[in-house]
C-alpha cells in the first residue's frame, strides 16, 4: 500500500484532521468549469489539491454546465472531474498528462504576477528582461519606459528564477535586488523566489 495514502488516512481517520484544507471560494483564483452534463446528478472536482478526494469538492450546476472556484497557492496541479462516478479530464483544457492508469489528467498552472523594475537609464533605447522563465531570450521580453526607469509585469510559476536586464545590449544584474548567485558558467545572475 502507498505510504503517502496510509499517512493521510491516519491524519484524517485517527486525528480527525484534513491535510487537504481546500474549500470552494466564490472569488477564488482557480476556476473550474465542465460544460454540458446537464443530466448528471452530481459532478465532483478531484485533484492533487485535495488528495484526489472523490467526495469533498461538489461542483455547482449552472445553465450550461458545472462550476467551482477554489483559492490555491501558486503552482502546478493535476485534476479531473467525476460526473456520476465517471472520471473525465477537462475537455476545455488542452494541457494533459498521462496518469498511472494510462488516462489523461488535466493540468492547471497557477501563476503569480510579478513586476520587474529597473531604475534610471533615461537615455537607453531598449531594455530587455531575460531569465530562466523565457530561456534567456535577448529580444522577447521588452520592458516599457516609465518616469523613473523601466518596468514590465510577468506571470511566473512558483520557484526560483534567475534573471538579468539587457540595457542596449549590455547585460546587468538587478541592483535593487540583493539576491544573486553564479551559474555553472561563472555568470552572476539576480534571483527571484516566487511563492
N, C-alpha and C. Protein backbone atom coordinates (compact mmCIF):
# COMPACT_ATOMS: atom_id res chain seq x y z
N UNK A 1 0.84 -1.18 0.00
CA UNK A 1 0.00 0.00 0.00
C UNK A 1 0.89 1.24 0.00
N UNK A 2 0.42 2.30 -0.63
CA UNK A 2 1.16 3.54 -0.75
C UNK A 2 1.33 4.19 0.62
N UNK A 3 2.60 4.48 0.99
CA UNK A 3 2.91 5.06 2.30
C UNK A 3 2.24 6.42 2.48
N UNK A 4 2.16 7.23 1.39
CA UNK A 4 1.54 8.56 1.46
C UNK A 4 0.06 8.44 1.81
N UNK A 5 -0.63 7.47 1.19
CA UNK A 5 -2.06 7.27 1.45
C UNK A 5 -2.28 6.84 2.90
N UNK A 6 -1.43 5.94 3.41
CA UNK A 6 -1.54 5.50 4.80
C UNK A 6 -1.38 6.70 5.72
N UNK A 7 -0.38 7.53 5.46
CA UNK A 7 -0.12 8.70 6.29
C UNK A 7 -1.32 9.64 6.32
N UNK A 8 -1.92 9.92 5.14
CA UNK A 8 -3.07 10.80 5.07
C UNK A 8 -4.28 10.20 5.77
N UNK A 9 -4.48 8.89 5.63
CA UNK A 9 -5.60 8.23 6.30
C UNK A 9 -5.46 8.33 7.81
N UNK A 10 -4.24 8.24 8.33
CA UNK A 10 -4.01 8.35 9.76
C UNK A 10 -4.41 9.74 10.24
N UNK A 11 -3.97 10.78 9.50
CA UNK A 11 -4.30 12.16 9.89
C UNK A 11 -5.81 12.37 9.91
N UNK A 12 -6.50 11.83 8.90
CA UNK A 12 -7.93 12.07 8.82
C UNK A 12 -8.71 11.12 9.74
N UNK A 13 -8.33 9.84 9.73
CA UNK A 13 -9.07 8.85 10.49
C UNK A 13 -8.82 8.88 11.99
N UNK A 14 -7.54 8.94 12.38
CA UNK A 14 -7.18 8.88 13.79
C UNK A 14 -7.27 10.26 14.45
N UNK A 15 -6.69 11.25 13.78
CA UNK A 15 -6.62 12.57 14.39
C UNK A 15 -7.74 13.51 13.94
N UNK A 16 -8.60 13.04 13.04
CA UNK A 16 -9.72 13.83 12.51
C UNK A 16 -9.25 15.15 11.89
N UNK A 17 -8.11 15.10 11.20
CA UNK A 17 -7.57 16.27 10.53
C UNK A 17 -7.62 16.07 9.02
N UNK A 18 -7.96 17.13 8.30
CA UNK A 18 -7.96 17.08 6.84
C UNK A 18 -6.69 17.78 6.36
N UNK A 19 -5.71 16.98 5.85
CA UNK A 19 -4.45 17.57 5.39
C UNK A 19 -4.64 18.41 4.14
N UNK A 20 -5.73 18.21 3.41
CA UNK A 20 -6.04 19.00 2.23
C UNK A 20 -7.19 19.92 2.59
N UNK A 21 -6.88 21.08 3.08
CA UNK A 21 -7.89 22.02 3.54
C UNK A 21 -8.28 22.96 2.41
N UNK A 22 -8.82 22.41 1.34
CA UNK A 22 -9.24 23.19 0.18
C UNK A 22 -10.75 23.29 0.19
N UNK A 23 -11.24 24.53 0.20
CA UNK A 23 -12.67 24.76 0.22
C UNK A 23 -13.07 25.67 -0.94
N UNK A 24 -14.30 25.51 -1.44
CA UNK A 24 -14.76 26.42 -2.51
C UNK A 24 -14.77 27.86 -2.02
N UNK A 25 -14.35 28.78 -2.90
CA UNK A 25 -14.32 30.21 -2.62
C UNK A 25 -14.94 30.91 -3.82
N UNK A 26 -15.94 31.75 -3.57
CA UNK A 26 -16.67 32.41 -4.65
C UNK A 26 -15.75 33.16 -5.62
N UNK A 27 -14.79 33.90 -5.09
CA UNK A 27 -13.87 34.69 -5.92
C UNK A 27 -12.47 34.07 -5.94
N UNK A 28 -12.38 32.75 -5.93
CA UNK A 28 -11.09 32.07 -5.89
C UNK A 28 -10.27 32.31 -7.15
N UNK A 29 -8.96 32.07 -7.05
CA UNK A 29 -8.06 32.30 -8.17
C UNK A 29 -8.03 31.15 -9.17
N UNK A 30 -8.67 30.04 -8.85
CA UNK A 30 -8.71 28.88 -9.76
C UNK A 30 -10.17 28.56 -10.09
N UNK A 31 -10.55 28.74 -11.34
CA UNK A 31 -11.93 28.49 -11.78
C UNK A 31 -11.99 27.21 -12.58
N UNK A 32 -12.89 26.34 -12.21
CA UNK A 32 -13.08 25.06 -12.91
C UNK A 32 -14.48 25.05 -13.50
N UNK A 33 -14.59 24.61 -14.74
CA UNK A 33 -15.89 24.57 -15.42
C UNK A 33 -15.95 23.36 -16.33
N UNK A 34 -17.04 22.60 -16.21
CA UNK A 34 -17.30 21.47 -17.09
C UNK A 34 -18.58 21.76 -17.85
N UNK A 35 -18.44 21.92 -19.17
CA UNK A 35 -19.60 22.26 -19.99
C UNK A 35 -20.47 21.02 -20.22
N UNK A 36 -21.77 21.23 -20.25
CA UNK A 36 -22.70 20.13 -20.53
C UNK A 36 -23.02 19.31 -19.29
N UNK A 37 -23.26 18.03 -19.50
CA UNK A 37 -23.59 17.08 -18.44
C UNK A 37 -24.79 17.56 -17.62
N UNK A 38 -25.77 18.14 -18.30
CA UNK A 38 -26.96 18.69 -17.65
C UNK A 38 -27.82 17.61 -16.98
N UNK A 39 -27.70 16.36 -17.44
CA UNK A 39 -28.49 15.28 -16.85
C UNK A 39 -27.77 14.59 -15.69
N UNK A 40 -26.53 15.00 -15.43
CA UNK A 40 -25.79 14.40 -14.31
C UNK A 40 -26.43 14.80 -12.99
N UNK A 41 -26.43 13.88 -12.05
CA UNK A 41 -26.97 14.15 -10.71
C UNK A 41 -25.94 14.89 -9.84
N UNK A 42 -24.67 14.56 -10.09
CA UNK A 42 -23.62 15.12 -9.25
C UNK A 42 -22.30 15.15 -10.02
N UNK A 43 -21.57 16.25 -9.91
CA UNK A 43 -20.23 16.36 -10.51
C UNK A 43 -19.27 16.80 -9.42
N UNK A 44 -18.16 16.09 -9.31
CA UNK A 44 -17.15 16.32 -8.28
C UNK A 44 -15.85 16.77 -8.97
N UNK A 45 -15.14 17.70 -8.34
CA UNK A 45 -13.80 18.09 -8.77
C UNK A 45 -12.81 17.35 -7.88
N UNK A 46 -11.85 16.68 -8.50
CA UNK A 46 -10.86 15.93 -7.75
C UNK A 46 -9.49 16.19 -8.34
N UNK A 47 -8.48 16.31 -7.46
CA UNK A 47 -7.14 16.57 -7.98
C UNK A 47 -6.08 16.52 -6.90
N UNK A 48 -4.88 16.89 -7.29
CA UNK A 48 -3.76 16.89 -6.35
C UNK A 48 -4.00 17.84 -5.19
N UNK A 49 -4.76 18.89 -5.41
CA UNK A 49 -5.01 19.89 -4.38
C UNK A 49 -5.90 19.39 -3.26
N UNK A 50 -6.62 18.25 -3.46
CA UNK A 50 -7.42 17.69 -2.37
C UNK A 50 -7.17 16.20 -2.17
N UNK A 51 -5.97 15.75 -2.58
CA UNK A 51 -5.60 14.35 -2.39
C UNK A 51 -6.44 13.39 -3.20
N UNK A 52 -6.98 13.87 -4.34
CA UNK A 52 -7.85 13.08 -5.23
C UNK A 52 -9.09 12.57 -4.49
N UNK A 53 -9.57 13.35 -3.54
CA UNK A 53 -10.78 13.01 -2.81
C UNK A 53 -11.96 12.98 -3.78
N UNK A 54 -12.77 11.94 -3.71
CA UNK A 54 -13.88 11.75 -4.65
C UNK A 54 -15.21 12.29 -4.13
N UNK A 55 -15.19 13.01 -3.01
CA UNK A 55 -16.45 13.46 -2.42
C UNK A 55 -16.46 14.92 -1.97
N UNK A 56 -15.30 15.50 -1.64
CA UNK A 56 -15.29 16.77 -0.91
C UNK A 56 -15.63 18.01 -1.73
N UNK A 57 -15.29 18.04 -3.02
CA UNK A 57 -15.49 19.26 -3.81
C UNK A 57 -16.63 19.09 -4.82
N UNK A 58 -17.85 19.28 -4.33
CA UNK A 58 -19.02 19.16 -5.21
C UNK A 58 -19.16 20.42 -6.03
N UNK A 59 -19.33 20.25 -7.34
CA UNK A 59 -19.46 21.39 -8.24
C UNK A 59 -20.91 21.87 -8.28
N UNK A 60 -21.08 23.14 -8.63
CA UNK A 60 -22.40 23.76 -8.67
C UNK A 60 -22.95 23.70 -10.10
N UNK A 61 -24.20 23.27 -10.21
CA UNK A 61 -24.85 23.20 -11.52
C UNK A 61 -25.27 24.60 -11.95
N UNK A 62 -24.90 24.97 -13.19
CA UNK A 62 -25.28 26.26 -13.77
C UNK A 62 -25.97 25.98 -15.11
N UNK A 63 -26.40 27.05 -15.80
CA UNK A 63 -27.19 26.90 -17.03
C UNK A 63 -26.54 25.98 -18.07
N UNK A 64 -25.23 26.13 -18.30
CA UNK A 64 -24.60 25.35 -19.37
C UNK A 64 -23.52 24.38 -18.89
N UNK A 65 -23.56 24.01 -17.61
CA UNK A 65 -22.58 23.05 -17.13
C UNK A 65 -22.47 23.06 -15.61
N UNK A 66 -21.24 22.88 -15.15
CA UNK A 66 -20.94 22.79 -13.72
C UNK A 66 -19.71 23.65 -13.43
N UNK A 67 -19.71 24.35 -12.29
CA UNK A 67 -18.57 25.22 -11.99
C UNK A 67 -18.20 25.15 -10.51
N UNK A 68 -16.96 25.55 -10.24
CA UNK A 68 -16.45 25.62 -8.87
C UNK A 68 -15.19 26.48 -8.88
N UNK A 69 -15.06 27.37 -7.90
CA UNK A 69 -13.86 28.19 -7.74
C UNK A 69 -13.16 27.81 -6.45
N UNK A 70 -11.83 27.76 -6.52
CA UNK A 70 -11.00 27.47 -5.35
C UNK A 70 -9.94 28.55 -5.22
N UNK A 71 -9.42 28.72 -4.02
CA UNK A 71 -8.26 29.59 -3.80
C UNK A 71 -7.08 28.65 -3.54
N UNK A 72 -6.13 28.63 -4.48
CA UNK A 72 -5.00 27.71 -4.39
C UNK A 72 -3.68 28.48 -4.43
N UNK A 73 -2.64 27.95 -3.78
CA UNK A 73 -1.32 28.56 -3.89
C UNK A 73 -0.81 28.47 -5.32
N UNK A 74 0.10 29.37 -5.69
CA UNK A 74 0.73 29.32 -6.99
C UNK A 74 1.38 27.96 -7.16
N UNK A 75 1.20 27.34 -8.32
CA UNK A 75 1.80 26.03 -8.56
C UNK A 75 1.16 25.30 -9.71
N UNK A 76 1.51 24.03 -9.85
CA UNK A 76 1.01 23.17 -10.92
C UNK A 76 0.19 22.05 -10.29
N UNK A 77 -1.01 21.83 -10.83
CA UNK A 77 -1.92 20.83 -10.26
C UNK A 77 -2.53 19.97 -11.36
N UNK A 78 -2.61 18.68 -11.09
CA UNK A 78 -3.36 17.77 -11.97
C UNK A 78 -4.75 17.58 -11.37
N UNK A 79 -5.75 17.46 -12.25
CA UNK A 79 -7.13 17.33 -11.76
C UNK A 79 -8.00 16.59 -12.77
N UNK A 80 -9.19 16.17 -12.30
CA UNK A 80 -10.22 15.53 -13.13
C UNK A 80 -11.59 15.89 -12.58
N UNK A 81 -12.60 15.69 -13.39
CA UNK A 81 -13.99 15.79 -12.97
C UNK A 81 -14.54 14.38 -12.81
N UNK A 82 -15.52 14.23 -11.91
CA UNK A 82 -16.22 12.94 -11.75
C UNK A 82 -17.71 13.23 -11.91
N UNK A 83 -18.27 12.82 -13.05
CA UNK A 83 -19.69 13.04 -13.33
C UNK A 83 -20.44 11.74 -13.10
N UNK A 84 -21.24 11.69 -12.04
CA UNK A 84 -21.99 10.47 -11.68
C UNK A 84 -21.10 9.24 -11.69
N UNK A 85 -19.90 9.38 -11.10
CA UNK A 85 -18.98 8.25 -10.97
C UNK A 85 -18.01 8.07 -12.12
N UNK A 86 -18.20 8.78 -13.23
CA UNK A 86 -17.31 8.65 -14.39
C UNK A 86 -16.23 9.73 -14.34
N UNK A 87 -14.96 9.27 -14.35
CA UNK A 87 -13.82 10.18 -14.30
C UNK A 87 -13.56 10.76 -15.68
N UNK A 88 -13.43 12.10 -15.75
CA UNK A 88 -13.23 12.78 -17.03
C UNK A 88 -12.12 13.81 -16.90
N UNK A 89 -11.29 13.93 -17.93
CA UNK A 89 -10.37 15.07 -17.95
C UNK A 89 -11.16 16.28 -18.46
N UNK A 90 -10.59 17.46 -18.33
CA UNK A 90 -11.26 18.70 -18.71
C UNK A 90 -11.15 18.89 -20.22
N UNK A 91 -12.26 18.74 -20.97
CA UNK A 91 -12.19 18.85 -22.44
C UNK A 91 -11.84 20.26 -22.91
N UNK A 92 -12.01 21.27 -22.05
CA UNK A 92 -11.70 22.65 -22.44
C UNK A 92 -10.24 23.02 -22.17
N UNK A 93 -9.50 22.13 -21.52
CA UNK A 93 -8.09 22.41 -21.19
C UNK A 93 -7.20 21.52 -22.05
N UNK A 94 -6.43 22.09 -22.96
CA UNK A 94 -5.59 21.27 -23.85
C UNK A 94 -4.38 20.64 -23.16
N UNK A 95 -3.99 21.13 -21.98
CA UNK A 95 -2.81 20.56 -21.34
C UNK A 95 -3.18 19.37 -20.47
N UNK A 96 -2.67 18.21 -20.85
CA UNK A 96 -2.91 16.98 -20.10
C UNK A 96 -1.60 16.20 -19.96
N UNK A 97 -1.59 15.28 -18.98
CA UNK A 97 -0.51 14.33 -18.81
C UNK A 97 -1.14 12.97 -18.54
N UNK A 98 -0.45 11.91 -18.93
CA UNK A 98 -0.95 10.56 -18.66
C UNK A 98 -0.73 10.21 -17.19
N UNK A 99 -1.74 9.63 -16.58
CA UNK A 99 -1.60 9.19 -15.20
C UNK A 99 -1.20 7.72 -15.16
N UNK A 100 -1.11 7.14 -13.97
CA UNK A 100 -0.65 5.76 -13.83
C UNK A 100 -1.65 4.75 -14.41
N UNK A 101 -2.87 5.20 -14.70
CA UNK A 101 -3.87 4.32 -15.32
C UNK A 101 -3.86 4.43 -16.84
N UNK A 102 -2.99 5.30 -17.37
CA UNK A 102 -2.90 5.48 -18.81
C UNK A 102 -3.95 6.41 -19.39
N UNK A 103 -4.69 7.10 -18.52
CA UNK A 103 -5.70 8.05 -18.98
C UNK A 103 -5.19 9.47 -18.71
N UNK A 104 -5.75 10.47 -19.39
CA UNK A 104 -5.24 11.83 -19.20
C UNK A 104 -5.77 12.52 -17.94
N UNK A 105 -4.87 13.22 -17.26
CA UNK A 105 -5.23 14.17 -16.21
C UNK A 105 -5.07 15.56 -16.81
N UNK A 106 -5.96 16.46 -16.50
CA UNK A 106 -5.81 17.85 -16.91
C UNK A 106 -4.81 18.53 -16.00
N UNK A 107 -4.13 19.56 -16.52
CA UNK A 107 -3.11 20.27 -15.76
C UNK A 107 -3.48 21.74 -15.65
N UNK A 108 -3.46 22.24 -14.42
CA UNK A 108 -3.70 23.65 -14.14
C UNK A 108 -2.41 24.26 -13.65
N UNK A 109 -2.02 25.39 -14.25
CA UNK A 109 -0.82 26.11 -13.81
C UNK A 109 -1.27 27.48 -13.29
N UNK A 110 -1.08 27.70 -12.02
CA UNK A 110 -1.41 29.00 -11.42
C UNK A 110 -0.14 29.82 -11.31
N UNK A 111 -0.17 30.99 -11.92
CA UNK A 111 0.99 31.86 -11.95
C UNK A 111 0.77 33.06 -11.02
N UNK A 112 1.86 33.73 -10.70
CA UNK A 112 1.78 34.92 -9.85
C UNK A 112 2.28 36.12 -10.65
N UNK A 113 1.52 37.22 -10.65
CA UNK A 113 2.01 38.41 -11.35
C UNK A 113 3.17 39.04 -10.59
N UNK A 114 4.26 39.28 -11.30
CA UNK A 114 5.47 39.84 -10.71
C UNK A 114 5.89 41.06 -11.54
N UNK A 115 6.23 42.15 -10.87
CA UNK A 115 6.68 43.36 -11.55
C UNK A 115 8.20 43.46 -11.42
N UNK A 116 8.86 43.61 -12.58
CA UNK A 116 10.31 43.85 -12.62
C UNK A 116 10.51 45.34 -12.92
N UNK A 117 11.38 46.00 -12.16
CA UNK A 117 11.65 47.41 -12.38
C UNK A 117 13.16 47.66 -12.40
N UNK A 118 13.58 48.51 -13.31
CA UNK A 118 14.97 48.94 -13.40
C UNK A 118 14.97 50.45 -13.33
N UNK A 119 15.59 51.01 -12.30
CA UNK A 119 15.63 52.46 -12.13
C UNK A 119 16.70 53.07 -13.02
N UNK A 120 16.42 54.28 -13.51
CA UNK A 120 17.40 55.03 -14.28
C UNK A 120 17.41 54.67 -15.76
N UNK A 121 18.55 54.92 -16.39
CA UNK A 121 18.79 54.66 -17.81
C UNK A 121 17.80 55.40 -18.70
N UNK A 122 17.65 56.73 -18.49
CA UNK A 122 16.70 57.50 -19.30
C UNK A 122 17.09 57.61 -20.77
N UNK A 123 18.38 57.45 -21.09
CA UNK A 123 18.83 57.57 -22.48
C UNK A 123 18.87 56.23 -23.21
N UNK A 124 18.53 55.13 -22.51
CA UNK A 124 18.57 53.81 -23.16
C UNK A 124 17.50 53.74 -24.25
N UNK A 125 17.84 53.08 -25.32
CA UNK A 125 16.89 52.90 -26.42
C UNK A 125 16.03 51.65 -26.23
N UNK A 126 16.63 50.62 -25.62
CA UNK A 126 15.92 49.35 -25.46
C UNK A 126 16.42 48.63 -24.21
N UNK A 127 15.46 48.17 -23.38
CA UNK A 127 15.79 47.37 -22.20
C UNK A 127 15.00 46.07 -22.27
N UNK A 128 15.70 44.97 -22.15
CA UNK A 128 15.12 43.62 -22.24
C UNK A 128 15.28 42.92 -20.89
N UNK A 129 14.27 42.14 -20.51
CA UNK A 129 14.35 41.26 -19.34
C UNK A 129 14.59 39.85 -19.85
N UNK A 130 15.66 39.23 -19.39
CA UNK A 130 15.98 37.86 -19.81
C UNK A 130 16.20 37.01 -18.57
N UNK A 131 15.74 35.75 -18.63
CA UNK A 131 15.93 34.87 -17.49
C UNK A 131 15.54 33.44 -17.79
N UNK A 132 15.55 32.64 -16.74
CA UNK A 132 15.20 31.23 -16.91
C UNK A 132 13.75 31.07 -17.35
N UNK A 133 12.89 32.04 -17.03
CA UNK A 133 11.47 31.97 -17.37
C UNK A 133 11.20 32.22 -18.86
N UNK A 134 12.17 32.77 -19.60
CA UNK A 134 11.99 32.94 -21.05
C UNK A 134 13.19 32.43 -21.84
N UNK A 135 13.89 31.45 -21.26
CA UNK A 135 15.05 30.82 -21.88
C UNK A 135 16.14 31.81 -22.26
N UNK A 136 16.29 32.85 -21.44
CA UNK A 136 17.32 33.86 -21.64
C UNK A 136 17.23 34.52 -23.01
N UNK A 137 16.02 34.66 -23.50
CA UNK A 137 15.79 35.28 -24.81
C UNK A 137 16.23 36.75 -24.77
N UNK A 138 17.04 37.16 -25.73
CA UNK A 138 17.61 38.50 -25.75
C UNK A 138 16.73 39.53 -26.45
N UNK A 139 15.55 39.14 -26.90
CA UNK A 139 14.70 40.11 -27.61
C UNK A 139 13.22 40.00 -27.26
N UNK A 140 12.82 38.90 -26.64
CA UNK A 140 11.40 38.60 -26.45
C UNK A 140 10.69 39.51 -25.45
N UNK A 141 11.28 39.78 -24.30
CA UNK A 141 10.58 40.46 -23.21
C UNK A 141 11.10 41.89 -23.06
N UNK A 142 10.52 42.77 -23.84
CA UNK A 142 10.96 44.16 -23.86
C UNK A 142 10.25 44.95 -22.75
N UNK A 143 11.04 45.70 -21.98
CA UNK A 143 10.48 46.48 -20.88
C UNK A 143 9.99 47.84 -21.38
N UNK A 144 9.04 48.43 -20.65
CA UNK A 144 8.47 49.72 -21.03
C UNK A 144 9.09 50.84 -20.21
N UNK A 145 9.28 51.98 -20.86
CA UNK A 145 9.86 53.15 -20.20
C UNK A 145 8.84 53.74 -19.23
N UNK A 146 9.30 54.16 -18.05
CA UNK A 146 8.47 54.85 -17.06
C UNK A 146 9.14 56.18 -16.72
N UNK A 147 8.54 56.94 -15.83
CA UNK A 147 9.13 58.21 -15.42
C UNK A 147 10.46 58.02 -14.70
N UNK A 148 10.59 56.90 -13.98
CA UNK A 148 11.80 56.68 -13.19
C UNK A 148 12.74 55.62 -13.76
N UNK A 149 12.35 54.97 -14.86
CA UNK A 149 13.21 53.93 -15.42
C UNK A 149 12.47 53.03 -16.39
N UNK A 150 12.45 51.73 -16.07
CA UNK A 150 11.87 50.72 -16.96
C UNK A 150 11.09 49.71 -16.12
N UNK A 151 10.05 49.14 -16.72
CA UNK A 151 9.16 48.26 -15.95
C UNK A 151 8.48 47.25 -16.87
N UNK A 152 8.20 46.06 -16.30
CA UNK A 152 7.39 45.06 -17.00
C UNK A 152 6.75 44.14 -15.96
N UNK A 153 5.55 43.67 -16.26
CA UNK A 153 4.86 42.71 -15.40
C UNK A 153 4.81 41.37 -16.13
N UNK A 154 5.13 40.30 -15.42
CA UNK A 154 5.07 38.95 -15.98
C UNK A 154 4.37 38.02 -15.01
N UNK A 155 3.71 37.00 -15.53
CA UNK A 155 3.12 35.95 -14.70
C UNK A 155 4.13 34.82 -14.62
N UNK A 156 4.54 34.48 -13.41
CA UNK A 156 5.57 33.46 -13.21
C UNK A 156 5.06 32.33 -12.32
N UNK A 157 5.60 31.15 -12.59
CA UNK A 157 5.29 29.98 -11.77
C UNK A 157 6.07 30.06 -10.46
N UNK A 158 5.64 29.29 -9.48
CA UNK A 158 6.35 29.24 -8.20
C UNK A 158 7.74 28.64 -8.41
N UNK A 159 8.68 29.10 -7.63
CA UNK A 159 10.03 28.56 -7.70
C UNK A 159 11.09 29.64 -7.76
N UNK A 160 12.32 29.21 -8.02
CA UNK A 160 13.46 30.13 -8.11
C UNK A 160 13.71 30.47 -9.58
N UNK A 161 13.79 31.77 -9.87
CA UNK A 161 14.04 32.25 -11.23
C UNK A 161 15.31 33.10 -11.24
N UNK A 162 16.17 32.87 -12.23
CA UNK A 162 17.35 33.69 -12.45
C UNK A 162 17.03 34.68 -13.55
N UNK A 163 17.57 35.90 -13.44
CA UNK A 163 17.30 36.90 -14.47
C UNK A 163 18.37 37.98 -14.51
N UNK A 164 18.36 38.72 -15.63
CA UNK A 164 19.21 39.90 -15.81
C UNK A 164 18.47 40.88 -16.71
N UNK A 165 18.91 42.14 -16.65
CA UNK A 165 18.43 43.16 -17.58
C UNK A 165 19.46 43.31 -18.69
N UNK A 166 18.99 43.61 -19.90
CA UNK A 166 19.89 43.90 -21.02
C UNK A 166 19.58 45.32 -21.47
N UNK A 167 20.49 46.24 -21.16
CA UNK A 167 20.30 47.65 -21.49
C UNK A 167 21.14 47.98 -22.71
N UNK A 168 20.46 48.20 -23.84
CA UNK A 168 21.15 48.48 -25.11
C UNK A 168 22.29 47.49 -25.37
N UNK A 169 22.00 46.22 -25.14
CA UNK A 169 22.97 45.16 -25.41
C UNK A 169 23.87 44.80 -24.25
N UNK A 170 23.87 45.57 -23.18
CA UNK A 170 24.74 45.30 -22.03
C UNK A 170 23.96 44.57 -20.95
N UNK A 171 24.46 43.38 -20.54
CA UNK A 171 23.81 42.56 -19.52
C UNK A 171 24.17 43.07 -18.13
N UNK A 172 23.17 43.13 -17.22
CA UNK A 172 23.45 43.56 -15.85
C UNK A 172 22.47 42.91 -14.88
N UNK A 173 22.94 42.73 -13.64
CA UNK A 173 22.07 42.21 -12.59
C UNK A 173 21.18 43.34 -12.08
N UNK A 174 20.21 42.98 -11.26
CA UNK A 174 19.27 43.94 -10.68
C UNK A 174 19.90 44.55 -9.44
N UNK A 175 20.29 45.83 -9.53
CA UNK A 175 20.98 46.48 -8.41
C UNK A 175 20.06 46.68 -7.20
N UNK A 176 18.74 46.61 -7.41
CA UNK A 176 17.79 46.75 -6.29
C UNK A 176 17.46 45.42 -5.62
N UNK A 177 18.04 44.34 -6.11
CA UNK A 177 17.77 43.01 -5.55
C UNK A 177 19.07 42.44 -4.98
N UNK A 178 19.16 42.24 -3.65
CA UNK A 178 20.39 41.72 -3.05
C UNK A 178 20.61 40.23 -3.30
N UNK A 179 19.59 39.51 -3.80
CA UNK A 179 19.73 38.07 -4.02
C UNK A 179 20.34 37.80 -5.40
N UNK A 180 21.46 37.09 -5.40
CA UNK A 180 22.11 36.71 -6.66
C UNK A 180 22.94 35.46 -6.43
N UNK A 181 23.28 34.79 -7.52
CA UNK A 181 24.19 33.64 -7.44
C UNK A 181 24.81 33.39 -8.80
N UNK A 182 25.93 32.68 -8.78
CA UNK A 182 26.63 32.36 -10.02
C UNK A 182 26.02 31.12 -10.67
N UNK A 183 25.95 31.13 -11.99
CA UNK A 183 25.51 29.94 -12.72
C UNK A 183 26.71 29.04 -12.96
N UNK A 184 26.52 27.85 -13.55
CA UNK A 184 27.65 26.93 -13.77
C UNK A 184 28.76 27.50 -14.65
N UNK A 185 28.46 28.59 -15.39
CA UNK A 185 29.46 29.18 -16.29
C UNK A 185 30.17 30.37 -15.65
N UNK A 186 29.87 30.64 -14.37
CA UNK A 186 30.53 31.73 -13.68
C UNK A 186 29.84 33.08 -13.81
N UNK A 187 28.69 33.15 -14.48
CA UNK A 187 27.95 34.41 -14.62
C UNK A 187 27.14 34.67 -13.36
N UNK A 188 27.14 35.93 -12.90
CA UNK A 188 26.35 36.30 -11.75
C UNK A 188 24.96 36.73 -12.22
N UNK A 189 23.91 36.11 -11.65
CA UNK A 189 22.53 36.42 -12.03
C UNK A 189 21.72 36.80 -10.80
N UNK A 190 20.76 37.70 -11.00
CA UNK A 190 19.82 38.03 -9.92
C UNK A 190 18.86 36.86 -9.74
N UNK A 191 18.33 36.72 -8.53
CA UNK A 191 17.41 35.63 -8.21
C UNK A 191 16.09 36.19 -7.72
N UNK A 192 15.00 35.60 -8.20
CA UNK A 192 13.67 35.94 -7.69
C UNK A 192 13.02 34.64 -7.21
N UNK A 193 12.52 34.66 -5.96
CA UNK A 193 11.83 33.50 -5.40
C UNK A 193 10.33 33.80 -5.41
N UNK A 194 9.58 33.01 -6.16
CA UNK A 194 8.14 33.18 -6.26
C UNK A 194 7.47 32.10 -5.44
N UNK A 195 6.55 32.51 -4.52
CA UNK A 195 5.85 31.55 -3.67
C UNK A 195 4.36 31.67 -3.88
